[in-house]
Amino acid sequence: MATNNSSKRPATTLRCGNIKATIWENVSEKGPFFATTFSRPFKDQSGEWRNGTSFGFNDLEALMNVACEAKEWINAHALKR
């Protein structure tokens, strides 16, 4: 089973427009691996910043771009092991 410590810092964070890809290094019985979360910041009704995980039509190109960047980053760093 994979473990993830929520207080752990991300390996890196990539951005494209308003879309953010956060790459986490995790450890399982088979060894370390990377996982990626995607988010989009927005202000809620009270004016507080939040991170959403749903994406509208206008977000999709940036989401695809940052996903490709995340794949390239993970590939480059996984080869160093």
PDB file of N, CA and C in Angstrom:
ATOM      1  N   MET A   1       0.838  -1.181   0.000  1.00  0.00           N
ATOM      2  CA  MET A   1       0.000   0.000   0.000  1.00  0.00           C
ATOM      3  C   MET A   1       0.877   1.236   0.000  1.00  0.00           C
ATOM      4  N   ALA A   2       0.544   2.224  -0.802  1.00  0.00           N
ATOM      5  CA  ALA A   2       1.306   3.465  -0.877  1.00  0.00           C
ATOM      6  C   ALA A   2       1.015   4.326   0.341  1.00  0.00           C
ATOM      7  N   THR A   3       2.029   5.068   0.750  1.00  0.00           N
ATOM      8  CA  THR A   3       1.829   5.990   1.852  1.00  0.00           C
ATOM      9  C   THR A   3       2.035   7.399   1.360  1.00  0.00           C
ATOM     10  N   ASN A   4       1.305   8.320   1.961  1.00  0.00           N
ATOM     11  CA  ASN A   4       1.454   9.718   1.600  1.00  0.00           C
ATOM     12  C   ASN A   4       1.302  10.541   2.859  1.00  0.00           C
ATOM     13  N   ASN A   5       2.334  11.280   3.208  1.00  0.00           N
ATOM     14  CA  ASN A   5       2.301  12.142   4.372  1.00  0.00           C
ATOM     15  C   ASN A   5       1.832  13.516   3.928  1.00  0.00           C
ATOM     16  N   SER A   6       0.654  13.945   4.378  1.00  0.00           N
ATOM     17  CA  SER A   6       0.085  15.198   3.901  1.00  0.00           C
ATOM     18  C   SER A   6       0.911  16.411   4.320  1.00  0.00           C
ATOM     19  N   SER A   7       1.796  16.274   5.317  1.00  0.00           N
ATOM     20  CA  SER A   7       2.634  17.398   5.714  1.00  0.00           C
ATOM     21  C   SER A   7       3.927  17.439   4.900  1.00  0.00           C
ATOM     22  N   LYS A   8       4.143  16.456   4.066  1.00  0.00           N
ATOM     23  CA  LYS A   8       5.337  16.395   3.233  1.00  0.00           C
ATOM     24  C   LYS A   8       5.268  17.443   2.135  1.00  0.00           C
ATOM     25  N   ARG A   9       6.427  17.989   1.779  1.00  0.00           N
ATOM     26  CA  ARG A   9       6.489  18.981   0.706  1.00  0.00           C
ATOM     27  C   ARG A   9       6.467  18.278  -0.640  1.00  0.00           C
ATOM     28  N   PRO A  10       5.901  18.942  -1.657  1.00  0.00           N
ATOM     29  CA  PRO A  10       5.894  18.339  -2.995  1.00  0.00           C
ATOM     30  C   PRO A  10       7.297  18.285  -3.583  1.00  0.00           C
ATOM     31  N   ALA A  11       7.517  17.344  -4.495  1.00  0.00           N
ATOM     32  CA  ALA A  11       8.790  17.254  -5.215  1.00  0.00           C
ATOM     33  C   ALA A  11       8.964  18.488  -6.087  1.00  0.00           C
ATOM     34  N   THR A  12       7.887  18.927  -6.720  1.00  0.00           N
ATOM     35  CA  THR A  12       7.886  20.158  -7.514  1.00  0.00           C
ATOM     36  C   THR A  12       6.453  20.566  -7.815  1.00  0.00           C
ATOM     37  N   THR A  13       6.301  21.807  -8.233  1.00  0.00           N
ATOM     38  CA  THR A  13       5.010  22.319  -8.673  1.00  0.00           C
ATOM     39  C   THR A  13       5.217  22.998 -10.019  1.00  0.00           C
ATOM     40  N   LEU A  14       4.388  22.644 -10.980  1.00  0.00           N
ATOM     41  CA  LEU A  14       4.447  23.218 -12.322  1.00  0.00           C
ATOM     42  C   LEU A  14       3.173  24.005 -12.561  1.00  0.00           C
ATOM     43  N   ARG A  15       3.273  25.062 -13.367  1.00  0.00           N
ATOM     44  CA  ARG A  15       2.095  25.889 -13.654  1.00  0.00           C
ATOM     45  C   ARG A  15       1.991  26.173 -15.142  1.00  0.00           C
ATOM     46  N   CYS A  16       0.753  26.277 -15.594  1.00  0.00           N
ATOM     47  CA  CYS A  16       0.455  26.731 -16.941  1.00  0.00           C
ATOM     48  C   CYS A  16      -0.824  27.550 -16.824  1.00  0.00           C
ATOM     49  N   GLY A  17      -0.703  28.860 -16.971  1.00  0.00           N
ATOM     50  CA  GLY A  17      -1.866  29.715 -16.755  1.00  0.00           C
ATOM     51  C   GLY A  17      -2.347  29.576 -15.325  1.00  0.00           C
ATOM     52  N   ASN A  18      -3.637  29.336 -15.155  1.00  0.00           N
ATOM     53  CA  ASN A  18      -4.207  29.160 -13.817  1.00  0.00           C
ATOM     54  C   ASN A  18      -4.130  27.730 -13.312  1.00  0.00           C
ATOM     55  N   ILE A  19      -3.613  26.810 -14.108  1.00  0.00           N
ATOM     56  CA  ILE A  19      -3.626  25.399 -13.730  1.00  0.00           C
ATOM     57  C   ILE A  19      -2.291  25.017 -13.099  1.00  0.00           C
ATOM     58  N   LYS A  20      -2.368  24.263 -12.031  1.00  0.00           N
ATOM     59  CA  LYS A  20      -1.186  23.860 -11.280  1.00  0.00           C
ATOM     60  C   LYS A  20      -1.111  22.338 -11.213  1.00  0.00           C
ATOM     61  N   ALA A  21       0.085  21.797 -11.474  1.00  0.00           N
ATOM     62  CA  ALA A  21       0.357  20.371 -11.294  1.00  0.00           C
ATOM     63  C   ALA A  21       1.349  20.245 -10.146  1.00  0.00           C
ATOM     64  N   THR A  22       0.971  19.509  -9.119  1.00  0.00           N
ATOM     65  CA  THR A  22       1.848  19.284  -7.983  1.00  0.00           C
ATOM     66  C   THR A  22       2.289  17.828  -8.031  1.00  0.00           C
ATOM     67  N   ILE A  23       3.601  17.622  -8.051  1.00  0.00           N
ATOM     68  CA  ILE A  23       4.150  16.268  -8.150  1.00  0.00           C
ATOM     69  C   ILE A  23       4.670  15.863  -6.773  1.00  0.00           C
ATOM     70  N   TRP A  24       4.206  14.705  -6.325  1.00  0.00           N
ATOM     71  CA  TRP A  24       4.555  14.162  -5.009  1.00  0.00           C
ATOM     72  C   TRP A  24       5.376  12.904  -5.174  1.00  0.00           C
ATOM     73  N   GLU A  25       6.372  12.735  -4.330  1.00  0.00           N
ATOM     74  CA  GLU A  25       7.107  11.468  -4.294  1.00  0.00           C
ATOM     75  C   GLU A  25       6.520  10.631  -3.168  1.00  0.00           C
ATOM     76  N   ASN A  26       6.115   9.431  -3.497  1.00  0.00           N
ATOM     77  CA  ASN A  26       5.533   8.500  -2.544  1.00  0.00           C
ATOM     78  C   ASN A  26       6.377   7.241  -2.499  1.00  0.00           C
ATOM     79  N   VAL A  27       6.139   6.416  -1.478  1.00  0.00           N
ATOM     80  CA  VAL A  27       6.876   5.166  -1.326  1.00  0.00           C
ATOM     81  C   VAL A  27       5.871   4.030  -1.151  1.00  0.00           C
ATOM     82  N   SER A  28       6.110   2.948  -1.866  1.00  0.00           N
ATOM     83  CA  SER A  28       5.295   1.744  -1.715  1.00  0.00           C
ATOM     84  C   SER A  28       6.225   0.565  -1.456  1.00  0.00           C
ATOM     85  N   GLU A  29       5.646  -0.614  -1.325  1.00  0.00           N
ATOM     86  CA  GLU A  29       6.456  -1.819  -1.137  1.00  0.00           C
ATOM     87  C   GLU A  29       7.405  -2.044  -2.315  1.00  0.00           C
ATOM     88  N   LYS A  30       7.027  -1.539  -3.482  1.00  0.00           N
ATOM     89  CA  LYS A  30       7.840  -1.712  -4.683  1.00  0.00           C
ATOM     90  C   LYS A  30       8.856  -0.590  -4.855  1.00  0.00           C
ATOM     91  N   GLY A  31       8.882   0.367  -3.953  1.00  0.00           N
ATOM     92  CA  GLY A  31       9.838   1.463  -4.027  1.00  0.00           C
ATOM     93  C   GLY A  31       9.168   2.796  -4.256  1.00  0.00           C
ATOM     94  N   PRO A  32       9.975   3.842  -4.419  1.00  0.00           N
ATOM     95  CA  PRO A  32       9.415   5.181  -4.599  1.00  0.00           C
ATOM     96  C   PRO A  32       8.782   5.369  -5.975  1.00  0.00           C
ATOM     97  N   PHE A  33       7.796   6.240  -6.020  1.00  0.00           N
ATOM     98  CA  PHE A  33       7.139   6.587  -7.278  1.00  0.00           C
ATOM     99  C   PHE A  33       6.584   7.994  -7.156  1.00  0.00           C
ATOM    100  N   PHE A  34       6.275   8.606  -8.281  1.00  0.00           N
ATOM    101  CA  PHE A  34       5.708   9.947  -8.301  1.00  0.00           C
ATOM    102  C   PHE A  34       4.223   9.877  -8.635  1.00  0.00           C
ATOM    103  N   ALA A  35       3.466  10.795  -8.046  1.00  0.00           N
ATOM    104  CA  ALA A  35       2.045  10.958  -8.356  1.00  0.00           C
ATOM    105  C   ALA A  35       1.790  12.452  -8.524  1.00  0.00           C
ATOM    106  N   THR A  36       0.808  12.784  -9.340  1.00  0.00           N
ATOM    107  CA  THR A  36       0.533  14.184  -9.654  1.00  0.00           C
ATOM    108  C   THR A  36      -0.909  14.539  -9.327  1.00  0.00           C
ATOM    109  N   THR A  37      -1.090  15.703  -8.706  1.00  0.00           N
ATOM    110  CA  THR A  37      -2.419  16.259  -8.495  1.00  0.00           C
ATOM    111  C   THR A  37      -2.524  17.545  -9.302  1.00  0.00           C
ATOM    112  N   PHE A  38      -3.706  17.824  -9.800  1.00  0.00           N
ATOM    113  CA  PHE A  38      -3.957  19.021 -10.601  1.00  0.00           C
ATOM    114  C   PHE A  38      -4.984  19.876  -9.881  1.00  0.00           C
ATOM    115  N   SER A  39      -4.803  21.194  -9.943  1.00  0.00           N
ATOM    116  CA  SER A  39      -5.753  22.085  -9.282  1.00  0.00           C
ATOM    117  C   SER A  39      -5.832  23.408 -10.028  1.00  0.00           C
ATOM    118  N   ARG A  40      -6.902  24.141  -9.697  1.00  0.00           N
ATOM    119  CA  ARG A  40      -7.147  25.455 -10.281  1.00  0.00           C
ATOM    120  C   ARG A  40      -7.584  26.371  -9.153  1.00  0.00           C
ATOM    121  N   PRO A  41      -6.794  27.422  -8.862  1.00  0.00           N
ATOM    122  CA  PRO A  41      -7.190  28.330  -7.782  1.00  0.00           C
ATOM    123  C   PRO A  41      -8.400  29.184  -8.168  1.00  0.00           C
ATOM    124  N   PHE A  42      -9.226  29.473  -7.174  1.00  0.00           N
ATOM    125  CA  PHE A  42     -10.384  30.349  -7.379  1.00  0.00           C
ATOM    126  C   PHE A  42     -10.741  30.989  -6.048  1.00  0.00           C
ATOM    127  N   LYS A  43     -11.452  32.104  -6.110  1.00  0.00           N
ATOM    128  CA  LYS A  43     -11.947  32.762  -4.901  1.00  0.00           C
ATOM    129  C   LYS A  43     -13.370  32.306  -4.639  1.00  0.00           C
ATOM    130  N   ASP A  44     -13.635  31.919  -3.395  1.00  0.00           N
ATOM    131  CA  ASP A  44     -14.989  31.517  -3.039  1.00  0.00           C
ATOM    132  C   ASP A  44     -15.840  32.772  -2.772  1.00  0.00           C
ATOM    133  N   GLN A  45     -17.089  32.568  -2.361  1.00  0.00           N
ATOM    134  CA  GLN A  45     -18.014  33.689  -2.169  1.00  0.00           C
ATOM    135  C   GLN A  45     -17.565  34.660  -1.084  1.00  0.00           C
ATOM    136  N   SER A  46     -16.761  34.179  -0.144  1.00  0.00           N
ATOM    137  CA  SER A  46     -16.277  35.064   0.923  1.00  0.00           C
ATOM    138  C   SER A  46     -14.962  35.746   0.556  1.00  0.00           C
ATOM    139  N   GLY A  47     -14.450  35.471  -0.652  1.00  0.00           N
ATOM    140  CA  GLY A  47     -13.211  36.090  -1.101  1.00  0.00           C
ATOM    141  C   GLY A  47     -11.954  35.320  -0.739  1.00  0.00           C
ATOM    142  N   GLU A  48     -12.102  34.152  -0.128  1.00  0.00           N
ATOM    143  CA  GLU A  48     -10.968  33.304   0.243  1.00  0.00           C
ATOM    144  C   GLU A  48     -10.514  32.485  -0.963  1.00  0.00           C
ATOM    145  N   TRP A  49      -9.201  32.323  -1.102  1.00  0.00           N
ATOM    146  CA  TRP A  49      -8.669  31.495  -2.188  1.00  0.00           C
ATOM    147  C   TRP A  49      -8.816  30.023  -1.848  1.00  0.00           C
ATOM    148  N   ARG A  50      -9.263  29.247  -2.808  1.00  0.00           N
ATOM    149  CA  ARG A  50      -9.427  27.791  -2.699  1.00  0.00           C
ATOM    150  C   ARG A  50      -8.791  27.143  -3.923  1.00  0.00           C
ATOM    151  N   ASN A  51      -8.583  25.845  -3.856  1.00  0.00           N
ATOM    152  CA  ASN A  51      -8.083  25.080  -5.002  1.00  0.00           C
ATOM    153  C   ASN A  51      -9.166  24.130  -5.464  1.00  0.00           C
ATOM    154  N   GLY A  52      -9.612  24.308  -6.692  1.00  0.00           N
ATOM    155  CA  GLY A  52     -10.618  23.424  -7.265  1.00  0.00           C
ATOM    156  C   GLY A  52      -9.965  22.301  -8.045  1.00  0.00           C
ATOM    157  N   THR A  53     -10.703  21.233  -8.202  1.00  0.00           N
ATOM    158  CA  THR A  53     -10.197  20.086  -8.963  1.00  0.00           C
ATOM    159  C   THR A  53     -11.103  19.756 -10.135  1.00  0.00           C
ATOM    160  N   SER A  54     -11.960  20.704 -10.509  1.00  0.00           N
ATOM    161  CA  SER A  54     -12.754  20.532 -11.727  1.00  0.00           C
ATOM    162  C   SER A  54     -12.319  21.625 -12.696  1.00  0.00           C
ATOM    163  N   PHE A  55     -12.419  21.311 -13.974  1.00  0.00           N
ATOM    164  CA  PHE A  55     -11.859  22.182 -14.987  1.00  0.00           C
ATOM    165  C   PHE A  55     -12.887  22.439 -16.073  1.00  0.00           C
ATOM    166  N   GLY A  56     -13.030  23.705 -16.446  1.00  0.00           N
ATOM    167  CA  GLY A  56     -13.946  24.080 -17.506  1.00  0.00           C
ATOM    168  C   GLY A  56     -13.285  23.966 -18.869  1.00  0.00           C
ATOM    169  N   PHE A  57     -14.070  24.195 -19.881  1.00  0.00           N
ATOM    170  CA  PHE A  57     -13.594  24.105 -21.257  1.00  0.00           C
ATOM    171  C   PHE A  57     -12.353  24.964 -21.475  1.00  0.00           C
ATOM    172  N   ASN A  58     -12.364  26.185 -20.956  1.00  0.00           N
ATOM    173  CA  ASN A  58     -11.240  27.100 -21.155  1.00  0.00           C
ATOM    174  C   ASN A  58      -9.982  26.704 -20.386  1.00  0.00           C
ATOM    175  N   ASP A  59     -10.086  25.758 -19.440  1.00  0.00           N
ATOM    176  CA  ASP A  59      -8.938  25.284 -18.673  1.00  0.00           C
ATOM    177  C   ASP A  59      -8.236  24.098 -19.327  1.00  0.00           C
ATOM    178  N   LEU A  60      -8.901  23.443 -20.276  1.00  0.00           N
ATOM    179  CA  LEU A  60      -8.412  22.150 -20.747  1.00  0.00           C
ATOM    180  C   LEU A  60      -7.082  22.212 -21.485  1.00  0.00           C
ATOM    181  N   GLU A  61      -6.846  23.255 -22.272  1.00  0.00           N
ATOM    182  CA  GLU A  61      -5.565  23.342 -22.978  1.00  0.00           C
ATOM    183  C   GLU A  61      -4.414  23.502 -21.982  1.00  0.00           C
ATOM    184  N   ALA A  62      -4.585  24.361 -20.987  1.00  0.00           N
ATOM    185  CA  ALA A  62      -3.557  24.530 -19.958  1.00  0.00           C
ATOM    186  C   ALA A  62      -3.378  23.237 -19.163  1.00  0.00           C
ATOM    187  N   LEU A  63      -4.472  22.535 -18.889  1.00  0.00           N
ATOM    188  CA  LEU A  63      -4.386  21.265 -18.173  1.00  0.00           C
ATOM    189  C   LEU A  63      -3.577  20.245 -18.977  1.00  0.00           C
ATOM    190  N   MET A  64      -3.832  20.168 -20.284  1.00  0.00           N
ATOM    191  CA  MET A  64      -3.065  19.245 -21.133  1.00  0.00           C
ATOM    192  C   MET A  64      -1.582  19.623 -21.146  1.00  0.00           C
ATOM    193  N   ASN A  65      -1.297  20.915 -21.262  1.00  0.00           N
ATOM    194  CA  ASN A  65       0.092  21.358 -21.297  1.00  0.00           C
ATOM    195  C   ASN A  65       0.829  21.040 -20.002  1.00  0.00           C
ATOM    196  N   VAL A  66       0.208  21.336 -18.869  1.00  0.00           N
ATOM    197  CA  VAL A  66       0.881  21.088 -17.600  1.00  0.00           C
ATOM    198  C   VAL A  66       0.967  19.587 -17.318  1.00  0.00           C
ATOM    199  N   ALA A  67       0.027  18.800 -17.823  1.00  0.00           N
ATOM    200  CA  ALA A  67       0.113  17.341 -17.676  1.00  0.00           C
ATOM    201  C   ALA A  67       1.297  16.802 -18.474  1.00  0.00           C
ATOM    202  N   CYS A  68       1.523  17.329 -19.674  1.00  0.00           N
ATOM    203  CA  CYS A  68       2.693  16.915 -20.476  1.00  0.00           C
ATOM    204  C   CYS A  68       3.981  17.308 -19.779  1.00  0.00           C
ATOM    205  N   GLU A  69       4.031  18.514 -19.221  1.00  0.00           N
ATOM    206  CA  GLU A  69       5.220  18.949 -18.483  1.00  0.00           C
ATOM    207  C   GLU A  69       5.463  18.047 -17.275  1.00  0.00           C
ATOM    208  N   ALA A  70       4.406  17.667 -16.580  1.00  0.00           N
ATOM    209  CA  ALA A  70       4.540  16.784 -15.420  1.00  0.00           C
ATOM    210  C   ALA A  70       5.077  15.417 -15.854  1.00  0.00           C
ATOM    211  N   LYS A  71       4.572  14.896 -16.959  1.00  0.00           N
ATOM    212  CA  LYS A  71       5.052  13.606 -17.463  1.00  0.00           C
ATOM    213  C   LYS A  71       6.537  13.681 -17.788  1.00  0.00           C
ATOM    214  N   GLU A  72       6.961  14.768 -18.454  1.00  0.00           N
ATOM    215  CA  GLU A  72       8.376  14.939 -18.795  1.00  0.00           C
ATOM    216  C   GLU A  72       9.238  15.066 -17.542  1.00  0.00           C
ATOM    217  N   TRP A  73       8.762  15.808 -16.535  1.00  0.00           N
ATOM    218  CA  TRP A  73       9.516  15.975 -15.299  1.00  0.00           C
ATOM    219  C   TRP A  73       9.682  14.634 -14.591  1.00  0.00           C
ATOM    220  N   ILE A  74       8.579  13.882 -14.490  1.00  0.00           N
ATOM    221  CA  ILE A  74       8.645  12.585 -13.818  1.00  0.00           C
ATOM    222  C   ILE A  74       9.569  11.640 -14.584  1.00  0.00           C
ATOM    223  N   ASN A  75       9.461  11.622 -15.887  1.00  0.00           N
ATOM    224  CA  ASN A  75      10.317  10.757 -16.701  1.00  0.00           C
ATOM    225  C   ASN A  75      11.784  11.110 -16.484  1.00  0.00           C
ATOM    226  N   ALA A  76      12.133  12.379 -16.483  1.00  0.00           N
ATOM    227  CA  ALA A  76      13.519  12.805 -16.307  1.00  0.00           C
ATOM    228  C   ALA A  76      14.047  12.440 -14.915  1.00  0.00           C
ATOM    229  N   HIS A  77      13.209  12.563 -13.908  1.00  0.00           N
ATOM    230  CA  HIS A  77      13.666  12.287 -12.546  1.00  0.00           C
ATOM    231  C   HIS A  77      13.628  10.807 -12.218  1.00  0.00           C
ATOM    232  N   ALA A  78      12.746  10.067 -12.852  1.00  0.00           N
ATOM    233  CA  ALA A  78      12.701   8.622 -12.611  1.00  0.00           C
ATOM    234  C   ALA A  78      13.922   7.945 -13.222  1.00  0.00           C
ATOM    235  N   LEU A  79      14.477   8.494 -14.315  1.00  0.00           N
ATOM    236  CA  LEU A  79      15.647   7.908 -14.954  1.00  0.00           C
ATOM    237  C   LEU A  79      16.896   8.042 -14.098  1.00  0.00           C
ATOM    238  N   LYS A  80      16.899   8.981 -13.168  1.00  0.00           N
ATOM    239  CA  LYS A  80      18.070   9.203 -12.324  1.00  0.00           C
ATOM    240  C   LYS A  80      18.181   8.205 -11.191  1.00  0.00           C
ATOM    241  N   ARG A  81      17.212   7.353 -11.033  1.00  0.00           N
ATOM    242  CA  ARG A  81      17.220   6.395  -9.912  1.00  0.00           C
ATOM    243  C   ARG A  81      17.985   5.154 -10.233  1.00  0.00           C
TER     244      ARG A  81
END
